[in-house]
Amino acid sequence: MPIGMKTATYFEPAPGAATTLYHPGGKAPFPYSHIIMRPAGAVNASANDMAAYLQFYLDRGAANGKLVVPSHEIDRMENPKSTWAAKEGLKTGYGLSNFWSVEDGFVYHGHDGGVDGGLTDLSYMPDYGVGYFFSINSESGDAFEQIGKAVRAYNRLNRLTNYASR
């Protein structure tokens, strides 16, 4: 818990602590299930926990002013090394549980994911000190994409306005 994720678990959360995930149509719930490779994407965490996780990346490995992971290790997580493209110097792609992408000319780092009935996205722009996390209890890729575009547009506009006024 050094980074402040108080409720995060790879196991089934306590009754009432998790959002219900739904089949397409939004009426029939999915029963809770574990994915086979839990560390690859089965973290059950509150929005506050995910905010702490996001802040950990923005603070380059520090939490509450205390260094938990050296910043060069955060850099290593963010930058792919093993693909042919990475070996040729390209930086976009998948690092260690963290991918690097460019959208509308801005570099984002983070990770998204999905399980039956739910989709999530944690993305951030370390150069601007801003990021976001959201999750939906639906498998609607269209809704997920629209929410992501709206949040990224807001972050870019808000952050760039504040960044330029320094």
Protein backbone atom coordinates (compact mmCIF):
# COMPACT_ATOMS: atom_id res chain seq x y z
CA MET A 1 0.00 0.00 0.00
CA PRO A 2 2.94 2.43 -0.30
CA ILE A 3 1.27 4.31 -3.15
CA GLY A 4 -2.11 4.62 -1.42
CA MET A 5 -4.16 1.92 -3.11
CA LYS A 6 -6.16 0.88 -0.05
CA THR A 7 -8.78 -1.41 -1.59
CA ALA A 8 -7.01 -2.82 -4.66
CA THR A 9 -7.00 -6.60 -4.95
CA TYR A 10 -6.59 -9.38 -7.48
CA PHE A 11 -9.34 -11.28 -5.70
CA GLU A 12 -13.10 -10.88 -5.62
CA PRO A 13 -13.95 -7.70 -3.72
CA ALA A 14 -16.22 -7.76 -0.70
CA PRO A 15 -19.96 -7.84 -1.49
CA GLY A 16 -21.18 -4.38 -2.46
CA ALA A 17 -17.65 -3.06 -3.06
CA ALA A 18 -17.60 -3.64 -6.83
CA THR A 19 -19.66 -2.33 -9.71
CA THR A 20 -21.96 -4.79 -11.42
CA LEU A 21 -20.84 -5.59 -14.98
CA TYR A 22 -23.56 -6.16 -17.56
CA HIS A 23 -24.15 -8.16 -20.71
CA PRO A 24 -24.88 -6.13 -23.85
CA GLY A 25 -28.29 -4.55 -23.41
CA GLY A 26 -27.55 -3.55 -19.83
CA LYS A 27 -30.06 -5.78 -18.07
CA ALA A 28 -28.39 -9.13 -17.31
CA PRO A 29 -25.37 -8.94 -14.99
CA PHE A 30 -22.23 -10.97 -15.46
CA PRO A 31 -21.26 -13.05 -12.46
CA TYR A 32 -17.87 -12.16 -11.00
CA SER A 33 -15.09 -14.21 -12.53
CA HIS A 34 -11.31 -14.27 -12.31
CA ILE A 35 -9.32 -13.97 -15.52
CA ILE A 36 -6.60 -16.58 -15.92
CA MET A 37 -3.66 -14.18 -15.78
CA ARG A 38 -4.74 -11.87 -12.96
CA PRO A 39 -1.66 -9.60 -12.93
CA ALA A 40 -2.23 -8.93 -16.64
CA GLY A 41 -5.46 -7.10 -15.97
CA ALA A 42 -7.62 -8.25 -13.11
CA VAL A 43 -7.03 -5.49 -10.58
CA ASN A 44 -10.19 -4.63 -8.69
CA ALA A 45 -9.73 -1.10 -7.39
CA SER A 46 -11.77 1.95 -6.49
CA ALA A 47 -11.59 5.18 -8.46
CA ASN A 48 -9.63 6.70 -5.55
CA ASP A 49 -7.11 3.85 -5.72
CA MET A 50 -6.72 4.33 -9.46
CA ALA A 51 -6.22 8.07 -8.90
CA ALA A 52 -3.37 7.22 -6.50
CA TYR A 53 -1.88 4.86 -9.09
CA LEU A 54 -2.10 7.54 -11.77
CA GLN A 55 -0.47 10.11 -9.46
CA PHE A 56 2.35 7.62 -8.80
CA TYR A 57 3.21 7.70 -12.52
CA LEU A 58 2.87 11.48 -12.75
CA ASP A 59 5.17 11.83 -9.72
CA ARG A 60 7.67 9.56 -11.48
CA GLY A 61 7.66 6.79 -8.88
CA ALA A 62 6.98 8.82 -5.75
CA ALA A 63 3.94 8.64 -3.47
CA ASN A 64 3.16 11.23 -0.82
CA GLY A 65 6.61 12.74 -1.32
CA LYS A 66 8.43 9.43 -0.78
CA LEU A 67 10.27 7.66 -3.59
CA VAL A 68 8.87 4.13 -4.02
CA VAL A 69 10.36 3.28 -7.41
CA PRO A 70 13.29 5.18 -9.00
CA SER A 71 12.15 7.41 -11.87
CA HIS A 72 14.41 5.57 -14.33
CA GLU A 73 12.33 2.45 -13.62
CA ILE A 74 9.15 4.35 -14.51
CA ASP A 75 10.90 5.39 -17.73
CA ARG A 76 11.70 1.71 -18.38
CA MET A 77 8.08 0.73 -17.82
CA GLU A 78 6.92 3.35 -20.32
CA ASN A 79 9.34 2.62 -23.14
CA PRO A 80 9.28 -0.55 -25.23
CA LYS A 81 12.60 -2.34 -25.65
CA SER A 82 11.99 -5.76 -27.18
CA THR A 83 10.11 -5.11 -30.44
CA TRP A 84 11.92 -4.68 -33.72
CA ALA A 85 10.56 -1.13 -33.90
CA ALA A 86 11.94 -0.33 -30.42
CA LYS A 87 15.32 -1.80 -31.33
CA GLU A 88 15.38 0.62 -34.26
CA GLY A 89 14.67 3.57 -31.95
CA LEU A 90 10.90 3.97 -32.22
CA LYS A 91 9.33 4.75 -28.87
CA THR A 92 5.65 4.07 -29.48
CA GLY A 93 4.38 0.71 -28.35
CA TYR A 94 4.14 -1.47 -25.28
CA GLY A 95 6.73 -1.24 -22.49
CA LEU A 96 6.25 -3.10 -19.21
CA SER A 97 2.50 -3.03 -18.54
CA ASN A 98 2.45 0.47 -19.97
CA PHE A 99 2.00 1.57 -23.56
CA TRP A 100 3.16 4.67 -25.37
CA SER A 101 0.91 6.25 -28.00
CA VAL A 102 0.47 9.51 -29.86
CA GLU A 103 -2.96 11.04 -30.28
CA ASP A 104 -3.54 14.43 -31.89
CA GLY A 105 0.18 15.14 -31.53
CA PHE A 106 0.30 14.40 -27.78
CA VAL A 107 2.22 11.55 -26.16
CA TYR A 108 0.16 9.41 -23.79
CA HIS A 109 1.33 6.60 -21.52
CA GLY A 110 -0.89 4.13 -19.71
CA HIS A 111 -2.88 0.95 -19.99
CA ASP A 112 -6.42 0.04 -20.89
CA GLY A 113 -8.26 -3.17 -20.38
CA GLY A 114 -11.47 -5.07 -20.43
CA VAL A 115 -13.29 -7.99 -18.93
CA ASP A 116 -16.74 -9.36 -19.68
CA GLY A 117 -19.03 -6.39 -19.10
CA GLY A 118 -16.42 -3.70 -18.40
CA LEU A 119 -13.80 -1.50 -20.04
CA THR A 120 -11.17 0.76 -18.44
CA ASP A 121 -8.53 3.29 -19.44
CA LEU A 122 -5.73 4.88 -17.44
CA SER A 123 -3.72 7.36 -19.51
CA TYR A 124 -1.45 10.26 -18.71
CA MET A 125 0.84 12.84 -20.28
CA PRO A 126 3.91 13.05 -18.04
CA ASP A 127 5.27 16.08 -19.91
CA TYR A 128 2.16 18.03 -18.87
CA GLY A 129 1.47 16.43 -15.49
CA VAL A 130 -2.06 15.41 -16.36
CA GLY A 131 -3.90 12.15 -16.78
CA TYR A 132 -7.18 10.37 -16.32
CA PHE A 133 -8.81 7.10 -15.40
CA PHE A 134 -12.28 5.96 -16.28
CA SER A 135 -14.17 2.71 -16.39
CA ILE A 136 -17.55 1.72 -17.73
CA ASN A 137 -19.68 -1.27 -16.82
CA SER A 138 -20.44 -2.04 -20.44
CA GLU A 139 -18.68 -3.69 -23.36
CA SER A 140 -19.66 -0.83 -25.68
CA GLY A 141 -16.49 0.01 -27.59
CA ASP A 142 -18.30 2.98 -29.14
CA ALA A 143 -19.22 4.48 -25.76
CA PHE A 144 -15.70 3.78 -24.47
CA GLU A 145 -14.14 5.53 -27.47
CA GLN A 146 -16.44 8.56 -27.19
CA ILE A 147 -15.75 8.98 -23.47
CA GLY A 148 -11.99 8.65 -24.06
CA LYS A 149 -12.03 11.27 -26.82
CA ALA A 150 -14.01 13.71 -24.68
CA VAL A 151 -11.74 13.26 -21.64
CA ARG A 152 -8.55 13.59 -23.72
CA ALA A 153 -9.88 16.74 -25.43
CA TYR A 154 -10.74 18.27 -22.06
CA ASN A 155 -7.35 17.37 -20.57
CA ARG A 156 -5.44 18.77 -23.53
CA LEU A 157 -7.41 22.00 -23.61
CA ASN A 158 -7.34 22.50 -19.84
CA ARG A 159 -3.70 21.52 -19.39
CA LEU A 160 -2.37 23.42 -22.36
CA THR A 161 -4.24 26.55 -21.28
CA ASN A 162 -2.76 26.26 -17.77
CA TYR A 163 0.67 25.24 -19.12
CA ALA A 164 0.83 28.29 -21.43
CA SER A 165 -0.12 30.69 -18.61
CA ARG A 166 2.95 29.82 -16.51
